[in-house]
């Protein structure tokens, strides 16, 4: 995310191997049993903590898909370390003071580096087909390979992106569907009208309402809420002078709620993305939850597929609601994040 030009191009070319169509098909096959097993096992409960539950599911499956391992008992510590690393990068006081966000981020980052660093020798010597092993063995046309630091950096970022942002998107969608039961019923009817209990890349087109709901939640609650760029030359944007090398923060969370582009921007309305709706505002930068240009999220299709597969199972097997007076408490991680764990009343269908 912080690389540019030739270096960025070369790293992205290698990473792109992990997100081809055939790779995505393989990931879905790997993910399906765990998603079905976990989602169908969630119990009926008055205060089911949705956010930590779905975050655990996503971290476990991301580890299996990209690391080729089951995390097991380490999952909670790793999830906490990913969160602390993100929050540490946003610290205002950047001093290694015990108890501070920066210090917590440093310690968490060190633990993540050890977790991946300790596995490097075995991965280089093995023949695994997971992304971690591929990065350890990949060489360019000149025989150069990633340094240990390169591999660790890529794996930390990849696993963080693969589970954290999708957990936010799913949680926000569950929240809005609890507050808007008519849309929850609409999505469930669409899912149940498709008799097949499975979902794959080709069948996603049969779920236009689900697709619209996911797009609307990405607009309202951009999981990567702020994107960062650097000016490559002196320039001007709407009358503001920006010198070369200036760091620029782009708040897509705020921009996708501007009434200039989106009527009733704070209202959950998947209908604005359905066929026949006015989509004039939906162009490459007005709707940019995955960024744009050469830095557009390389895992966009994986994330989309993952969120829809989990929602497909959740809608088939559960109903949920929140009290009319409930308003989710938010904090900020990579984007707007449930601070209260998103307690929902979950009921297994048919029980």
Protein backbone atom coordinates (compact mmCIF):
# COMPACT_ATOMS: atom_id res chain seq x y z
CA UNK A 1 0.00 0.00 0.00
CA UNK A 2 2.93 2.34 0.64
CA UNK A 3 4.99 1.37 -2.42
CA UNK A 4 5.02 3.31 -5.67
CA UNK A 5 6.04 3.12 -9.32
CA UNK A 6 8.31 0.23 -10.42
CA UNK A 7 8.65 -1.22 -6.93
CA UNK A 8 4.89 -1.24 -6.46
CA UNK A 9 4.35 -2.74 -9.93
CA UNK A 10 6.81 -5.58 -9.30
CA UNK A 11 5.36 -6.47 -5.91
CA UNK A 12 1.80 -6.31 -7.21
CA UNK A 13 2.60 -8.60 -10.14
CA UNK A 14 3.70 -11.32 -7.76
CA UNK A 15 0.75 -10.73 -5.42
CA UNK A 16 -1.66 -10.84 -8.36
CA UNK A 17 -0.97 -14.57 -8.67
CA UNK A 18 -3.02 -15.01 -5.51
CA UNK A 19 -6.14 -13.35 -6.94
CA UNK A 20 -6.68 -14.91 -10.37
CA UNK A 21 -10.07 -16.43 -11.20
CA UNK A 22 -8.77 -19.96 -10.66
CA UNK A 23 -7.27 -18.93 -7.32
CA UNK A 24 -10.58 -17.38 -6.21
CA UNK A 25 -12.43 -20.57 -7.15
CA UNK A 26 -9.98 -22.53 -5.03
CA UNK A 27 -10.37 -20.17 -2.07
CA UNK A 28 -14.15 -20.50 -2.19
CA UNK A 29 -13.84 -24.28 -2.08
CA UNK A 30 -11.56 -23.99 0.94
CA UNK A 31 -13.75 -21.44 2.71
CA UNK A 32 -17.15 -23.03 2.16
CA UNK A 33 -17.02 -25.84 4.77
CA UNK A 34 -15.77 -23.54 7.54
CA UNK A 35 -18.35 -20.85 6.78
CA UNK A 36 -21.22 -23.33 6.75
CA UNK A 37 -19.99 -25.11 9.88
CA UNK A 38 -19.45 -21.91 11.86
CA UNK A 39 -22.51 -19.89 10.81
CA UNK A 40 -24.93 -22.80 11.25
CA UNK A 41 -23.50 -23.47 14.72
CA UNK A 42 -24.18 -19.98 16.03
CA UNK A 43 -26.87 -20.35 18.72
CA UNK A 44 -30.07 -18.44 19.29
CA UNK A 45 -29.17 -15.77 21.83
CA UNK A 46 -30.45 -12.48 23.23
CA UNK A 47 -27.10 -10.70 23.06
CA UNK A 48 -25.02 -12.55 20.49
CA UNK A 49 -21.71 -10.65 20.01
CA UNK A 50 -21.71 -10.56 16.23
CA UNK A 51 -18.58 -8.50 15.52
CA UNK A 52 -16.04 -10.61 17.48
CA UNK A 53 -17.74 -13.81 16.29
CA UNK A 54 -17.51 -12.98 12.59
CA UNK A 55 -14.02 -11.52 13.04
CA UNK A 56 -12.83 -14.84 14.50
CA UNK A 57 -14.41 -16.76 11.60
CA UNK A 58 -12.72 -14.50 9.03
CA UNK A 59 -9.31 -14.64 10.66
CA UNK A 60 -9.41 -18.44 10.88
CA UNK A 61 -10.38 -18.84 7.21
CA UNK A 62 -7.88 -16.19 6.02
CA UNK A 63 -5.12 -18.06 7.79
CA UNK A 64 -6.16 -21.31 6.15
CA UNK A 65 -6.42 -19.74 2.67
CA UNK A 66 -3.33 -17.51 2.68
CA UNK A 67 -1.04 -19.07 5.30
CA UNK A 68 -2.01 -22.69 4.77
CA UNK A 69 -2.43 -23.25 8.50
CA UNK A 70 -5.08 -23.35 11.18
CA UNK A 71 -4.34 -20.75 13.84
CA UNK A 72 -6.28 -22.38 16.65
CA UNK A 73 -5.63 -21.08 20.15
CA UNK A 74 -3.46 -18.21 18.85
CA UNK A 75 -6.37 -16.67 16.98
CA UNK A 76 -7.53 -14.26 19.69
CA UNK A 77 -4.02 -12.93 20.35
CA UNK A 78 -3.34 -12.47 16.64
CA UNK A 79 -6.67 -10.68 16.12
CA UNK A 80 -5.86 -8.36 19.02
CA UNK A 81 -2.37 -7.74 17.61
CA UNK A 82 -3.75 -6.85 14.17
CA UNK A 83 -6.16 -4.38 15.80
CA UNK A 84 -3.45 -2.82 17.99
CA UNK A 85 -1.15 -2.46 14.99
CA UNK A 86 -3.80 -0.55 13.02
CA UNK A 87 -4.67 1.69 15.97
CA UNK A 88 -0.98 2.29 16.72
CA UNK A 89 -0.49 3.70 13.25
CA UNK A 90 -3.13 6.32 14.05
CA UNK A 91 -1.58 7.42 17.35
CA UNK A 92 -1.18 11.15 17.85
CA UNK A 93 1.62 10.78 20.42
CA UNK A 94 4.21 8.63 18.64
CA UNK A 95 6.42 7.78 21.58
CA UNK A 96 7.17 4.37 23.08
CA UNK A 97 5.40 5.20 26.34
CA UNK A 98 3.95 2.18 28.23
CA UNK A 99 0.17 2.10 27.94
CA UNK A 100 0.03 4.36 24.88
CA UNK A 101 -1.47 3.40 21.53
CA UNK A 102 1.90 3.72 19.78
CA UNK A 103 3.61 1.43 22.31
CA UNK A 104 0.82 -1.15 22.08
CA UNK A 105 1.10 -1.04 18.31
CA UNK A 106 4.89 -1.56 18.43
CA UNK A 107 4.61 -4.58 20.74
CA UNK A 108 1.79 -6.06 18.64
CA UNK A 109 3.76 -5.53 15.45
CA UNK A 110 6.78 -7.26 17.00
CA UNK A 111 4.66 -10.30 17.89
CA UNK A 112 3.24 -10.48 14.35
CA UNK A 113 6.74 -10.23 12.87
CA UNK A 114 7.91 -13.11 15.08
CA UNK A 115 4.86 -15.20 14.16
CA UNK A 116 5.61 -15.01 10.43
CA UNK A 117 9.40 -14.69 10.70
CA UNK A 118 9.76 -17.95 12.64
CA UNK A 119 8.08 -19.84 9.79
CA UNK A 120 10.19 -18.46 6.92
CA UNK A 121 12.90 -21.18 6.74
CA UNK A 122 10.39 -24.04 6.61
CA UNK A 123 8.26 -22.26 4.01
CA UNK A 124 11.25 -21.65 1.74
CA UNK A 125 12.27 -25.28 1.98
CA UNK A 126 8.76 -26.68 1.45
CA UNK A 127 6.47 -26.99 -1.55
CA UNK A 128 3.28 -25.43 -0.19
CA UNK A 129 0.88 -23.71 -2.60
CA UNK A 130 -0.51 -21.17 -0.14
CA UNK A 131 0.40 -17.51 -0.68
CA UNK A 132 2.85 -17.42 2.23
CA UNK A 133 4.87 -20.28 0.75
CA UNK A 134 4.68 -18.79 -2.74
CA UNK A 135 6.06 -15.45 -1.54
CA UNK A 136 8.91 -17.24 0.21
CA UNK A 137 9.97 -19.01 -2.99
CA UNK A 138 9.13 -16.42 -5.67
CA UNK A 139 11.98 -14.95 -7.77
CA UNK A 140 11.93 -12.38 -10.53
CA UNK A 141 13.52 -12.77 -13.98
CA UNK A 142 16.90 -11.76 -12.53
CA UNK A 143 16.74 -14.33 -9.74
CA UNK A 144 16.00 -11.75 -7.05
CA UNK A 145 13.54 -12.69 -4.35
CA UNK A 146 11.65 -10.91 -1.61
CA UNK A 147 13.60 -10.15 1.53
CA UNK A 148 12.40 -11.62 4.82
CA UNK A 149 11.09 -8.18 5.75
CA UNK A 150 9.16 -7.92 2.46
CA UNK A 151 7.43 -11.25 3.05
CA UNK A 152 6.54 -10.45 6.67
CA UNK A 153 5.20 -7.02 5.66
CA UNK A 154 3.04 -8.51 2.92
CA UNK A 155 1.63 -11.25 5.17
CA UNK A 156 0.79 -8.90 8.03
CA UNK A 157 -1.00 -6.52 5.69
CA UNK A 158 -2.76 -9.26 3.73
CA UNK A 159 -4.19 -11.06 6.75
CA UNK A 160 -5.17 -7.79 8.36
CA UNK A 161 -6.96 -6.66 5.20
CA UNK A 162 -8.54 -10.05 4.55
CA UNK A 163 -10.31 -10.32 7.89
CA UNK A 164 -10.58 -6.83 9.41
CA UNK A 165 -12.31 -4.92 6.62
CA UNK A 166 -14.68 -7.80 5.79
CA UNK A 167 -15.62 -8.09 9.48
CA UNK A 168 -16.55 -4.39 9.45
CA UNK A 169 -18.61 -4.72 6.25
CA UNK A 170 -20.50 -7.76 7.54
CA UNK A 171 -21.15 -6.22 10.94
CA UNK A 172 -22.47 -2.98 9.48
CA UNK A 173 -24.71 -4.89 7.06
CA UNK A 174 -26.09 -7.03 9.90
CA UNK A 175 -26.70 -3.85 11.91
CA UNK A 176 -28.58 -2.06 9.14
CA UNK A 177 -30.62 -5.16 8.25
CA UNK A 178 -31.60 -5.46 11.93
CA UNK A 179 -32.78 -1.83 11.88
CA UNK A 180 -34.47 -2.25 8.49
CA UNK A 181 -36.28 -5.62 8.71
CA UNK A 182 -38.07 -5.06 5.39
CA UNK A 183 -34.68 -5.21 3.62
CA UNK A 184 -33.68 -8.25 5.69
CA UNK A 185 -36.85 -10.04 4.51
CA UNK A 186 -36.20 -8.93 0.93
CA UNK A 187 -32.66 -10.37 0.97
CA UNK A 188 -33.81 -13.58 2.64
CA UNK A 189 -36.55 -14.11 0.06
CA UNK A 190 -33.97 -13.72 -2.70
CA UNK A 191 -31.66 -16.25 -1.05
CA UNK A 192 -34.44 -18.77 -0.41
CA UNK A 193 -35.81 -18.41 -3.93
CA UNK A 194 -32.51 -19.89 -5.13
CA UNK A 195 -32.92 -23.50 -4.04
CA UNK A 196 -29.19 -24.32 -4.11
CA UNK A 197 -27.65 -24.09 -0.64
CA UNK A 198 -24.28 -23.30 -2.20
CA UNK A 199 -23.00 -20.13 -3.82
CA UNK A 200 -20.09 -19.71 -6.21
CA UNK A 201 -18.62 -16.94 -8.34
CA UNK A 202 -20.87 -17.72 -11.31
CA UNK A 203 -24.05 -17.80 -9.21
CA UNK A 204 -23.42 -14.42 -7.55
CA UNK A 205 -25.26 -12.74 -10.46
CA UNK A 206 -28.48 -14.38 -9.25
CA UNK A 207 -28.41 -12.22 -6.10
CA UNK A 208 -28.85 -8.60 -7.26
CA UNK A 209 -30.47 -7.44 -4.00
CA UNK A 210 -27.63 -8.90 -1.95
CA UNK A 211 -25.15 -7.22 -4.27
CA UNK A 212 -26.96 -3.88 -3.89
CA UNK A 213 -27.04 -4.21 -0.09
CA UNK A 214 -23.31 -4.93 0.05
CA UNK A 215 -22.57 -1.91 -2.16
CA UNK A 216 -24.76 0.31 0.00
CA UNK A 217 -23.01 -0.77 3.19
CA UNK A 218 -19.61 -0.12 1.60
CA UNK A 219 -20.85 3.36 0.68
CA UNK A 220 -22.16 4.12 4.17
CA UNK A 221 -19.42 2.49 6.23
CA UNK A 222 -16.27 2.31 4.09
CA UNK A 223 -14.22 -0.39 5.88
CA UNK A 224 -11.00 1.28 4.69
CA UNK A 225 -12.27 4.69 5.66
CA UNK A 226 -9.18 6.74 4.83
CA UNK A 227 -6.82 6.31 1.88
CA UNK A 228 -3.36 7.87 1.71
CA UNK A 229 -1.48 9.29 -1.25
CA UNK A 230 1.53 11.53 -1.84
CA UNK A 231 1.71 14.40 -4.32
CA UNK A 232 4.34 13.65 -6.98
CA UNK A 233 4.52 17.31 -8.05
CA UNK A 234 3.24 20.71 -7.01
CA UNK A 235 -0.47 20.85 -7.74
CA UNK A 236 -3.74 22.50 -6.82
CA UNK A 237 -7.03 20.90 -5.79
CA UNK A 238 -10.16 23.10 -5.63
CA UNK A 239 -8.08 26.17 -4.89
CA UNK A 240 -5.76 24.55 -2.33
CA UNK A 241 -2.03 24.50 -3.13
CA UNK A 242 -0.42 21.11 -2.44
CA UNK A 243 3.40 21.03 -2.62
CA UNK A 244 5.31 18.07 -4.03
CA UNK A 245 5.79 15.20 -1.53
CA UNK A 246 2.81 16.29 0.60
CA UNK A 247 1.02 13.41 2.30
CA UNK A 248 -2.69 13.55 1.45
CA UNK A 249 -5.41 11.73 3.39
CA UNK A 250 -8.57 10.98 1.41
CA UNK A 251 -11.59 10.38 3.64
CA UNK A 252 -13.77 8.09 1.53
CA UNK A 253 -15.98 7.39 4.55
CA UNK A 254 -16.95 11.06 4.56
CA UNK A 255 -17.00 11.61 0.79
CA UNK A 256 -19.43 8.74 0.16
CA UNK A 257 -21.91 10.41 2.52
CA UNK A 258 -21.92 13.75 0.73
CA UNK A 259 -25.42 14.87 -0.22
CA UNK A 260 -23.91 16.43 -3.37
CA UNK A 261 -23.56 12.93 -4.78
CA UNK A 262 -25.94 10.74 -2.77
CA UNK A 263 -29.55 11.72 -1.97
CA UNK A 264 -30.40 11.05 1.70
CA UNK A 265 -26.80 9.87 2.25
CA UNK A 266 -27.30 8.68 5.85
CA UNK A 267 -30.24 6.48 4.93
CA UNK A 268 -29.68 2.77 4.26
CA UNK A 269 -31.17 2.26 0.81
CA UNK A 270 -29.84 -0.61 -1.33
CA UNK A 271 -32.39 0.43 -3.95
CA UNK A 272 -30.01 3.13 -5.15
CA UNK A 273 -27.81 0.35 -6.58
CA UNK A 274 -30.55 -1.78 -8.13
CA UNK A 275 -31.31 -1.92 -11.85
CA UNK A 276 -33.44 1.01 -12.91
CA UNK A 277 -32.21 3.25 -10.10
CA UNK A 278 -30.41 6.50 -10.88
CA UNK A 279 -26.75 5.48 -10.77
CA UNK A 280 -25.40 8.76 -12.14
CA UNK A 281 -23.31 9.31 -9.02
CA UNK A 282 -21.76 5.86 -9.15
CA UNK A 283 -18.57 6.53 -11.04
CA UNK A 284 -15.03 5.47 -10.29
CA UNK A 285 -14.29 8.05 -7.59
CA UNK A 286 -17.71 9.00 -6.15
CA UNK A 287 -18.05 5.33 -5.16
CA UNK A 288 -14.58 4.22 -4.13
CA UNK A 289 -14.66 1.88 -1.11
CA UNK A 290 -11.72 -0.04 -2.59
CA UNK A 291 -9.78 3.04 -3.68
CA UNK A 292 -8.84 3.69 -7.28
CA UNK A 293 -6.04 3.78 -9.80
CA UNK A 294 -3.05 1.44 -9.60
CA UNK A 295 -3.52 1.12 -5.83
CA UNK A 296 -7.09 -0.13 -6.08
CA UNK A 297 -7.50 -3.00 -3.62
CA UNK A 298 -6.09 -6.16 -5.16
CA UNK A 299 -8.39 -8.29 -2.98
CA UNK A 300 -11.65 -6.57 -3.97
CA UNK A 301 -13.21 -9.64 -5.61
CA UNK A 302 -12.07 -11.94 -2.80
CA UNK A 303 -13.65 -9.64 -0.20
CA UNK A 304 -16.88 -9.33 -2.18
CA UNK A 305 -17.14 -13.08 -2.60
CA UNK A 306 -16.37 -13.70 1.08
CA UNK A 307 -18.91 -11.22 2.45
CA UNK A 308 -21.67 -12.53 0.18
CA UNK A 309 -20.98 -16.18 1.00
CA UNK A 310 -21.23 -15.52 4.74
CA UNK A 311 -24.39 -13.38 4.33
CA UNK A 312 -25.90 -16.11 2.15
CA UNK A 313 -25.55 -18.64 4.98
CA UNK A 314 -26.59 -16.17 7.68
CA UNK A 315 -29.82 -15.26 5.85
CA UNK A 316 -30.69 -18.91 5.19
CA UNK A 317 -30.23 -20.09 8.74
CA UNK A 318 -30.86 -17.12 11.05
CA UNK A 319 -33.02 -14.08 11.70
CA UNK A 320 -31.87 -11.20 13.86
CA UNK A 321 -32.95 -7.88 15.29
CA UNK A 322 -31.88 -5.11 17.66
CA UNK A 323 -34.08 -3.00 19.97
CA UNK A 324 -35.66 0.05 18.31
CA UNK A 325 -33.70 2.30 20.67
CA UNK A 326 -30.34 0.66 19.99
CA UNK A 327 -27.64 2.65 18.23
CA UNK A 328 -24.33 0.89 17.70
CA UNK A 329 -21.34 2.44 19.46
CA UNK A 330 -18.51 3.08 17.03
CA UNK A 331 -14.77 3.37 17.30
CA UNK A 332 -12.20 3.67 14.49
CA UNK A 333 -9.80 1.01 13.24
CA UNK A 334 -9.21 0.70 9.52
CA UNK A 335 -12.65 2.27 9.32
CA UNK A 336 -15.79 2.60 11.48
CA UNK A 337 -15.76 -0.35 13.88
CA UNK A 338 -18.34 -1.61 16.43
CA UNK A 339 -17.05 -0.62 19.88
CA UNK A 340 -19.68 -2.68 21.72
CA UNK A 341 -19.28 -5.95 19.82
CA UNK A 342 -22.66 -5.42 18.10
CA UNK A 343 -24.94 -7.47 20.41
CA UNK A 344 -27.90 -8.74 18.38
CA UNK A 345 -30.88 -10.94 19.17
CA UNK A 346 -30.13 -13.95 16.98
CA UNK A 347 -32.72 -16.66 16.29
CA UNK A 348 -32.09 -19.83 14.36
CA UNK A 349 -34.73 -20.25 11.66
CA UNK A 350 -37.08 -23.17 12.16
CA UNK A 351 -36.42 -23.28 15.93
